[in-house]
Amino acid sequence: MQSDLVRVVDHDVRFGVTADEGDGDGWPAIREKMLAADLLVIATPIWMGQPSSVCKMVLERLDAELGETDDEGRMLTFGKVAGVAVVGNEDGAHHVSAEVFQGLSDVGFTIPPNAVTYWVGEAMQGIDYRDKEPRPEATDKTTKALALNAAHLARILKSAPFPAQG
């Protein structure tokens, strides 16, 4: 299986709700990669109990998918699977994942069981997950479940697409 990591903050993605917000917008290239993929994982830190502003901007840009359909009336994201990863040093991983999952579902992504993994360190501390040794066993377990379930569902949906909507 091939994967690609896209850090939205490394691109000049404009705010808006269309697939292309004009000259220089970095979203169309990211969108093209997303539409070519079978599986999307959105990773976000928690800021003040909320998904990051960049994550919210991605959801805002995904709003354009509501108006894009294939020849059979399905959104272009139908048959694509999504998961969420959350990190931070405060509570709120369930709240953040719920917000992101709802947005992803609204625009046509399918959510498998156990589709979130998260690590939240001690509140108000400076330990990042990437620096955490040893890795927390519970987080490793949920990350593995997310990967296995999402890949399994993506294979199923690729071989048995959703019915025509039109």
C-alpha atoms as a PDB file:
ATOM      1  CA  MET A   1       0.000   0.000   0.000  1.00  0.00           C
ATOM      2  CA  GLN A   2       1.307   3.430  -0.924  1.00  0.00           C
ATOM      3  CA  SER A   3       0.821   6.497   1.231  1.00  0.00           C
ATOM      4  CA  ASP A   4       1.478  10.197   0.973  1.00  0.00           C
ATOM      5  CA  LEU A   5       1.820  12.709   3.788  1.00  0.00           C
ATOM      6  CA  VAL A   6       0.458  16.176   3.039  1.00  0.00           C
ATOM      7  CA  ARG A   7       0.956  18.935   5.577  1.00  0.00           C
ATOM      8  CA  VAL A   8      -1.633  21.555   4.708  1.00  0.00           C
ATOM      9  CA  VAL A   9       0.388  24.210   6.543  1.00  0.00           C
ATOM     10  CA  ASP A  10       3.148  23.761   3.943  1.00  0.00           C
ATOM     11  CA  HIS A  11       0.799  24.928   1.151  1.00  0.00           C
ATOM     12  CA  ASP A  12      -0.869  28.250   0.418  1.00  0.00           C
ATOM     13  CA  VAL A  13      -4.401  26.978   0.976  1.00  0.00           C
ATOM     14  CA  ARG A  14      -6.947  29.751   0.924  1.00  0.00           C
ATOM     15  CA  PHE A  15     -10.090  29.991   2.981  1.00  0.00           C
ATOM     16  CA  GLY A  16     -13.319  29.274   1.131  1.00  0.00           C
ATOM     17  CA  VAL A  17     -15.872  26.634   0.188  1.00  0.00           C
ATOM     18  CA  THR A  18     -15.018  25.972  -3.459  1.00  0.00           C
ATOM     19  CA  ALA A  19     -12.688  23.426  -5.026  1.00  0.00           C
ATOM     20  CA  ASP A  20     -10.455  26.253  -6.289  1.00  0.00           C
ATOM     21  CA  GLU A  21     -10.274  29.694  -4.719  1.00  0.00           C
ATOM     22  CA  GLY A  22      -8.243  31.190  -7.552  1.00  0.00           C
ATOM     23  CA  ASP A  23      -4.707  31.818  -8.731  1.00  0.00           C
ATOM     24  CA  GLY A  24      -2.122  30.466  -6.288  1.00  0.00           C
ATOM     25  CA  ASP A  25      -4.552  28.426  -4.169  1.00  0.00           C
ATOM     26  CA  GLY A  26      -2.796  25.293  -2.913  1.00  0.00           C
ATOM     27  CA  TRP A  27      -6.012  23.339  -2.301  1.00  0.00           C
ATOM     28  CA  PRO A  28      -6.585  22.006  -5.865  1.00  0.00           C
ATOM     29  CA  ALA A  29      -3.328  19.994  -5.788  1.00  0.00           C
ATOM     30  CA  ILE A  30      -4.146  18.607  -2.336  1.00  0.00           C
ATOM     31  CA  ARG A  31      -7.704  17.827  -3.456  1.00  0.00           C
ATOM     32  CA  GLU A  32      -6.385  15.937  -6.480  1.00  0.00           C
ATOM     33  CA  LYS A  33      -4.279  13.706  -4.205  1.00  0.00           C
ATOM     34  CA  MET A  34      -7.250  13.187  -1.882  1.00  0.00           C
ATOM     35  CA  LEU A  35      -9.554  12.185  -4.736  1.00  0.00           C
ATOM     36  CA  ALA A  36      -6.939   9.731  -6.035  1.00  0.00           C
ATOM     37  CA  ALA A  37      -6.644   8.089  -2.605  1.00  0.00           C
ATOM     38  CA  ASP A  38      -8.794   5.332  -1.141  1.00  0.00           C
ATOM     39  CA  LEU A  39      -8.216   6.449   2.436  1.00  0.00           C
ATOM     40  CA  LEU A  40      -7.830   9.828   4.142  1.00  0.00           C
ATOM     41  CA  VAL A  41      -6.553  10.393   7.670  1.00  0.00           C
ATOM     42  CA  ILE A  42      -6.894  13.890   9.056  1.00  0.00           C
ATOM     43  CA  ALA A  43      -4.485  14.580  11.901  1.00  0.00           C
ATOM     44  CA  THR A  44      -4.946  17.596  14.132  1.00  0.00           C
ATOM     45  CA  PRO A  45      -3.750  18.927  17.445  1.00  0.00           C
ATOM     46  CA  ILE A  46      -6.220  20.049  20.068  1.00  0.00           C
ATOM     47  CA  TRP A  47      -6.222  23.780  20.686  1.00  0.00           C
ATOM     48  CA  MET A  48      -8.407  24.955  23.551  1.00  0.00           C
ATOM     49  CA  GLY A  49     -10.553  21.829  23.242  1.00  0.00           C
ATOM     50  CA  GLN A  50     -11.094  22.312  19.486  1.00  0.00           C
ATOM     51  CA  PRO A  51      -9.588  20.985  16.253  1.00  0.00           C
ATOM     52  CA  SER A  52      -6.903  23.323  14.949  1.00  0.00           C
ATOM     53  CA  SER A  53      -7.854  26.206  12.676  1.00  0.00           C
ATOM     54  CA  VAL A  54      -6.041  24.431   9.839  1.00  0.00           C
ATOM     55  CA  CYS A  55      -8.205  21.333  10.370  1.00  0.00           C
ATOM     56  CA  LYS A  56     -11.325  23.490  10.350  1.00  0.00           C
ATOM     57  CA  MET A  57     -10.143  25.131   7.125  1.00  0.00           C
ATOM     58  CA  VAL A  58      -9.723  21.688   5.538  1.00  0.00           C
ATOM     59  CA  LEU A  59     -13.300  20.808   6.532  1.00  0.00           C
ATOM     60  CA  GLU A  60     -14.431  24.130   5.103  1.00  0.00           C
ATOM     61  CA  ARG A  61     -12.698  23.383   1.800  1.00  0.00           C
ATOM     62  CA  LEU A  62     -14.214  19.882   1.743  1.00  0.00           C
ATOM     63  CA  ASP A  63     -17.617  21.592   1.714  1.00  0.00           C
ATOM     64  CA  ALA A  64     -17.106  21.983  -2.058  1.00  0.00           C
ATOM     65  CA  GLU A  65     -17.495  18.208  -2.395  1.00  0.00           C
ATOM     66  CA  LEU A  66     -21.214  18.525  -1.639  1.00  0.00           C
ATOM     67  CA  GLY A  67     -21.746  19.882  -5.136  1.00  0.00           C
ATOM     68  CA  GLU A  68     -19.427  17.515  -7.024  1.00  0.00           C
ATOM     69  CA  THR A  69     -20.881  14.205  -8.234  1.00  0.00           C
ATOM     70  CA  ASP A  70     -19.986  11.418 -10.620  1.00  0.00           C
ATOM     71  CA  ASP A  71     -22.163  10.270 -13.528  1.00  0.00           C
ATOM     72  CA  GLU A  72     -24.255   8.161 -11.135  1.00  0.00           C
ATOM     73  CA  GLY A  73     -25.011  11.003  -8.732  1.00  0.00           C
ATOM     74  CA  ARG A  74     -22.536  10.014  -5.988  1.00  0.00           C
ATOM     75  CA  MET A  75     -20.233  12.549  -4.375  1.00  0.00           C
ATOM     76  CA  LEU A  76     -16.656  12.056  -5.576  1.00  0.00           C
ATOM     77  CA  THR A  77     -15.705  11.083  -2.028  1.00  0.00           C
ATOM     78  CA  PHE A  78     -18.159   8.162  -1.916  1.00  0.00           C
ATOM     79  CA  GLY A  79     -16.223   4.935  -1.500  1.00  0.00           C
ATOM     80  CA  LYS A  80     -13.385   6.704   0.273  1.00  0.00           C
ATOM     81  CA  VAL A  81     -12.647   5.887   3.897  1.00  0.00           C
ATOM     82  CA  ALA A  82     -11.586   8.415   6.539  1.00  0.00           C
ATOM     83  CA  GLY A  83      -9.936   8.285   9.918  1.00  0.00           C
ATOM     84  CA  VAL A  84      -8.754  10.849  12.456  1.00  0.00           C
ATOM     85  CA  ALA A  85      -5.627  11.249  14.592  1.00  0.00           C
ATOM     86  CA  VAL A  86      -5.578  13.733  17.464  1.00  0.00           C
ATOM     87  CA  VAL A  87      -2.676  14.877  19.615  1.00  0.00           C
ATOM     88  CA  GLY A  88      -2.312  17.445  22.329  1.00  0.00           C
ATOM     89  CA  ASN A  89      -1.761  18.071  25.983  1.00  0.00           C
ATOM     90  CA  GLU A  90      -5.329  18.669  27.013  1.00  0.00           C
ATOM     91  CA  ASP A  91      -8.645  16.856  27.137  1.00  0.00           C
ATOM     92  CA  GLY A  92     -11.030  16.795  24.217  1.00  0.00           C
ATOM     93  CA  ALA A  93      -9.944  14.057  21.778  1.00  0.00           C
ATOM     94  CA  HIS A  94     -13.475  12.624  21.605  1.00  0.00           C
ATOM     95  CA  HIS A  95     -14.969  16.053  20.996  1.00  0.00           C
ATOM     96  CA  VAL A  96     -12.412  16.874  18.292  1.00  0.00           C
ATOM     97  CA  SER A  97     -12.827  13.542  16.521  1.00  0.00           C
ATOM     98  CA  ALA A  98     -16.634  13.874  16.639  1.00  0.00           C
ATOM     99  CA  GLU A  99     -16.446  17.283  14.940  1.00  0.00           C
ATOM    100  CA  VAL A 100     -14.100  16.036  12.244  1.00  0.00           C
ATOM    101  CA  PHE A 101     -16.017  12.778  11.672  1.00  0.00           C
ATOM    102  CA  GLN A 102     -19.296  14.628  11.209  1.00  0.00           C
ATOM    103  CA  GLY A 103     -17.760  16.898   8.594  1.00  0.00           C
ATOM    104  CA  LEU A 104     -16.150  13.982   6.774  1.00  0.00           C
ATOM    105  CA  SER A 105     -19.391  12.010   6.773  1.00  0.00           C
ATOM    106  CA  ASP A 106     -21.350  15.011   5.503  1.00  0.00           C
ATOM    107  CA  VAL A 107     -19.151  15.211   2.419  1.00  0.00           C
ATOM    108  CA  GLY A 108     -19.340  11.497   1.598  1.00  0.00           C
ATOM    109  CA  PHE A 109     -16.500   9.731   3.401  1.00  0.00           C
ATOM    110  CA  THR A 110     -17.193   6.392   5.083  1.00  0.00           C
ATOM    111  CA  ILE A 111     -16.053   5.990   8.686  1.00  0.00           C
ATOM    112  CA  PRO A 112     -14.946   2.511   9.815  1.00  0.00           C
ATOM    113  CA  PRO A 113     -15.186   1.252  13.396  1.00  0.00           C
ATOM    114  CA  ASN A 114     -12.443   2.465  15.728  1.00  0.00           C
ATOM    115  CA  ALA A 115     -11.456   5.134  13.208  1.00  0.00           C
ATOM    116  CA  VAL A 116      -9.671   7.430  15.647  1.00  0.00           C
ATOM    117  CA  THR A 117      -6.388   7.312  17.431  1.00  0.00           C
ATOM    118  CA  TYR A 118      -5.259   9.899  19.909  1.00  0.00           C
ATOM    119  CA  TRP A 119      -2.771  10.790  22.545  1.00  0.00           C
ATOM    120  CA  VAL A 120      -3.302  13.565  25.000  1.00  0.00           C
ATOM    121  CA  GLY A 121      -0.544  14.171  27.476  1.00  0.00           C
ATOM    122  CA  GLU A 122      -0.801  15.716  30.868  1.00  0.00           C
ATOM    123  CA  ALA A 123      -2.681  19.014  30.703  1.00  0.00           C
ATOM    124  CA  MET A 124      -0.635  22.186  30.368  1.00  0.00           C
ATOM    125  CA  GLN A 125       2.640  20.287  29.869  1.00  0.00           C
ATOM    126  CA  GLY A 126       5.089  20.398  26.989  1.00  0.00           C
ATOM    127  CA  ILE A 127       5.587  16.720  26.112  1.00  0.00           C
ATOM    128  CA  ASP A 128       4.892  16.035  22.436  1.00  0.00           C
ATOM    129  CA  TYR A 129       3.810  12.586  21.267  1.00  0.00           C
ATOM    130  CA  ARG A 130       6.749  12.392  18.859  1.00  0.00           C
ATOM    131  CA  ASP A 131       9.074  12.733  21.882  1.00  0.00           C
ATOM    132  CA  LYS A 132       7.184  10.232  24.064  1.00  0.00           C
ATOM    133  CA  GLU A 133       9.252   7.137  24.892  1.00  0.00           C
ATOM    134  CA  PRO A 134       8.143   4.491  25.287  1.00  0.00           C
ATOM    135  CA  ARG A 135       5.102   4.975  23.062  1.00  0.00           C
ATOM    136  CA  PRO A 136       1.848   4.603  25.009  1.00  0.00           C
ATOM    137  CA  GLU A 137       0.556   1.055  24.485  1.00  0.00           C
ATOM    138  CA  ALA A 138      -3.115   2.117  24.297  1.00  0.00           C
ATOM    139  CA  THR A 139      -2.348   4.651  21.558  1.00  0.00           C
ATOM    140  CA  ASP A 140      -0.344   2.092  19.595  1.00  0.00           C
ATOM    141  CA  LYS A 141      -3.285  -0.310  19.867  1.00  0.00           C
ATOM    142  CA  THR A 142      -5.848   2.249  18.643  1.00  0.00           C
ATOM    143  CA  THR A 143      -3.535   3.351  15.818  1.00  0.00           C
ATOM    144  CA  LYS A 144      -3.237  -0.253  14.650  1.00  0.00           C
ATOM    145  CA  ALA A 145      -7.035  -0.728  14.831  1.00  0.00           C
ATOM    146  CA  LEU A 146      -7.573   2.460  12.816  1.00  0.00           C
ATOM    147  CA  ALA A 147      -5.115   1.310  10.132  1.00  0.00           C
ATOM    148  CA  LEU A 148      -6.463  -2.252   9.901  1.00  0.00           C
ATOM    149  CA  ASN A 149     -10.149  -1.314   9.901  1.00  0.00           C
ATOM    150  CA  ALA A 150      -9.745   1.598   7.487  1.00  0.00           C
ATOM    151  CA  ALA A 151      -7.692  -0.431   5.002  1.00  0.00           C
ATOM    152  CA  HIS A 152     -10.143  -3.348   5.229  1.00  0.00           C
ATOM    153  CA  LEU A 153     -13.144  -1.100   4.601  1.00  0.00           C
ATOM    154  CA  ALA A 154     -11.360   0.687   1.733  1.00  0.00           C
ATOM    155  CA  ARG A 155     -10.731  -2.684   0.024  1.00  0.00           C
ATOM    156  CA  ILE A 156     -14.399  -3.645   0.441  1.00  0.00           C
ATOM    157  CA  LEU A 157     -15.685  -0.343  -0.939  1.00  0.00           C
ATOM    158  CA  LYS A 158     -13.303  -0.495  -3.889  1.00  0.00           C
ATOM    159  CA  SER A 159     -14.680  -3.908  -4.897  1.00  0.00           C
ATOM    160  CA  ALA A 160     -18.317  -3.130  -4.003  1.00  0.00           C
ATOM    161  CA  PRO A 161     -19.060   0.585  -4.583  1.00  0.00           C
ATOM    162  CA  PHE A 162     -22.058   2.373  -3.165  1.00  0.00           C
ATOM    163  CA  PRO A 163     -25.153   2.283  -5.395  1.00  0.00           C
ATOM    164  CA  ALA A 164     -25.954   5.054  -7.837  1.00  0.00           C
ATOM    165  CA  GLN A 165     -27.660   8.023  -6.196  1.00  0.00           C
ATOM    166  CA  GLY A 166     -29.342   9.524  -9.255  1.00  0.00           C
END
